[in-house]
Amino acid sequence: GLDRGGFGIVFGRKGAKADELQVLFVTVDPERDRPAELAAYAAMFDPRIRPLVGTEAELAAMAKAWRVYYRRVPLSGGGYTMDHTATMYLVGRDGRFAGTIDPREPGDTAIAKLRRVLAGG
């Protein structure tokens, strides 16, 4: 989930600087993740998170552009699960890639990265 490690620290931040963050949560399973359900899921972590559900073609284009891995994995009893990249991508105010936060990263490291991005560096 989003509450692990560096992710939990990011979403737990309050204050003016934290409110400058624009957090997008993009599903890699648009077949199963409907907008209303995804919005409810994201809101459990922080109401500032904007969930995004695209078409299969839009998802494929986004994944290619950002080098995101995702794959549908069939389960032996039927159904499926999704294997996917679990990384928070940081994008600066200029729209350029500014780094990543891994969900297992220590919170102080994640906060330092966010401060650097918010400062424009």
Protein backbone atom coordinates (compact mmCIF):
# COMPACT_ATOMS: atom_id res chain seq x y z
CA GLY A 1 0.00 0.00 0.00
CA LEU A 2 0.88 3.66 -0.01
CA ASP A 3 1.45 3.76 3.75
CA ARG A 4 4.85 2.03 3.75
CA GLY A 5 8.22 3.68 4.39
CA GLY A 6 8.98 6.89 2.51
CA PHE A 7 5.50 6.97 0.98
CA GLY A 8 3.85 7.11 4.40
CA ILE A 9 6.11 9.99 5.44
CA VAL A 10 5.24 11.92 2.29
CA PHE A 11 1.50 11.51 2.69
CA GLY A 12 1.60 12.33 6.39
CA ARG A 13 3.12 15.79 5.85
CA LYS A 14 1.14 18.89 6.72
CA GLY A 15 1.72 22.59 6.23
CA ALA A 16 2.12 25.13 3.47
CA LYS A 17 5.05 23.39 1.74
CA ALA A 18 3.33 20.00 1.83
CA ASP A 19 0.22 21.59 0.35
CA GLU A 20 2.29 22.68 -2.67
CA LEU A 21 2.69 19.02 -3.65
CA GLN A 22 0.50 17.68 -6.41
CA VAL A 23 0.29 13.93 -5.94
CA LEU A 24 -1.10 11.80 -8.76
CA PHE A 25 -1.89 8.11 -8.31
CA VAL A 26 -2.06 6.31 -11.66
CA THR A 27 -3.58 2.84 -11.77
CA VAL A 28 -1.95 0.12 -13.84
CA ASP A 29 -5.22 -1.85 -13.83
CA PRO A 30 -7.88 0.30 -15.53
CA GLU A 31 -10.02 -2.78 -16.15
CA ARG A 32 -10.56 -3.31 -12.43
CA ASP A 33 -9.87 0.14 -10.92
CA ARG A 34 -12.86 2.33 -11.62
CA PRO A 35 -12.52 6.08 -10.90
CA ALA A 36 -14.85 6.12 -7.86
CA GLU A 37 -13.19 3.14 -6.20
CA LEU A 38 -9.70 4.44 -6.92
CA ALA A 39 -10.63 7.86 -5.51
CA ALA A 40 -11.91 6.26 -2.29
CA TYR A 41 -8.72 4.17 -2.01
CA ALA A 42 -6.42 7.17 -2.53
CA ALA A 43 -8.41 9.32 -0.08
CA MET A 44 -7.69 6.80 2.68
CA PHE A 45 -4.06 7.91 2.50
CA ASP A 46 -4.46 11.63 1.81
CA PRO A 47 -7.27 13.73 0.32
CA ARG A 48 -4.73 15.66 -1.79
CA ILE A 49 -3.98 12.60 -3.95
CA ARG A 50 -5.56 12.80 -7.40
CA PRO A 51 -6.28 9.34 -8.78
CA LEU A 52 -6.00 8.83 -12.53
CA VAL A 53 -7.57 6.07 -14.59
CA GLY A 54 -6.81 6.01 -18.30
CA THR A 55 -7.49 3.70 -21.18
CA GLU A 56 -5.21 0.74 -21.91
CA ALA A 57 -3.59 2.79 -24.72
CA GLU A 58 -3.02 5.80 -22.46
CA LEU A 59 -1.55 3.57 -19.76
CA ALA A 60 0.79 1.90 -22.26
CA ALA A 61 1.98 5.30 -23.53
CA MET A 62 2.53 6.61 -19.99
CA ALA A 63 4.38 3.46 -18.95
CA LYS A 64 6.66 3.67 -21.97
CA ALA A 65 7.41 7.36 -21.42
CA TRP A 66 8.18 6.91 -17.70
CA ARG A 67 9.74 3.44 -18.02
CA VAL A 68 7.11 1.91 -15.74
CA TYR A 69 6.84 -1.86 -15.65
CA TYR A 70 3.44 -3.52 -15.28
CA ARG A 71 2.12 -6.94 -16.16
CA ARG A 72 -1.10 -8.83 -15.57
CA VAL A 73 -0.35 -12.12 -13.76
CA PRO A 74 -2.97 -14.88 -13.88
CA LEU A 75 -3.69 -16.64 -10.59
CA SER A 76 -3.94 -20.44 -10.41
CA GLY A 77 -7.47 -20.33 -8.96
CA GLY A 78 -8.70 -17.85 -11.55
CA GLY A 79 -8.58 -14.09 -11.59
CA TYR A 80 -5.35 -12.13 -11.74
CA THR A 81 -3.05 -9.77 -9.92
CA MET A 82 -0.87 -6.95 -11.23
CA ASP A 83 2.91 -6.92 -10.99
CA HIS A 84 4.18 -3.35 -11.32
CA THR A 85 6.72 -0.69 -10.50
CA ALA A 86 6.11 0.75 -7.03
CA THR A 87 7.96 4.03 -7.19
CA MET A 88 6.97 7.63 -6.60
CA TYR A 89 8.27 9.76 -9.45
CA LEU A 90 9.23 13.33 -8.57
CA VAL A 91 8.61 16.02 -11.15
CA GLY A 92 9.76 19.60 -10.66
CA ARG A 93 7.74 22.73 -11.22
CA ASP A 94 9.28 22.89 -14.69
CA GLY A 95 7.75 19.50 -15.58
CA ARG A 96 11.10 17.71 -15.67
CA PHE A 97 11.94 14.45 -13.96
CA ALA A 98 13.58 15.21 -10.60
CA GLY A 99 14.10 11.79 -9.01
CA THR A 100 12.23 8.99 -7.32
CA ILE A 101 11.15 7.84 -3.89
CA ASP A 102 11.17 4.12 -3.20
CA PRO A 103 8.47 2.84 -0.80
CA ARG A 104 11.16 1.26 1.41
CA GLU A 105 13.29 4.41 1.60
CA PRO A 106 13.84 5.97 5.03
CA GLY A 107 11.44 8.84 5.69
CA ASP A 108 14.18 11.43 6.22
CA THR A 109 15.64 10.62 2.80
CA ALA A 110 12.21 10.99 1.15
CA ILE A 111 11.60 14.33 2.88
CA ALA A 112 15.02 15.63 1.81
CA LYS A 113 14.20 14.76 -1.81
CA LEU A 114 10.82 16.48 -1.60
CA ARG A 115 12.37 19.62 -0.08
CA ARG A 116 14.93 19.71 -2.90
CA VAL A 117 12.19 19.46 -5.53
CA LEU A 118 10.00 22.10 -3.84
CA ALA A 119 13.00 24.43 -3.62
CA GLY A 120 13.46 24.07 -7.37
CA GLY A 121 16.75 22.19 -7.18
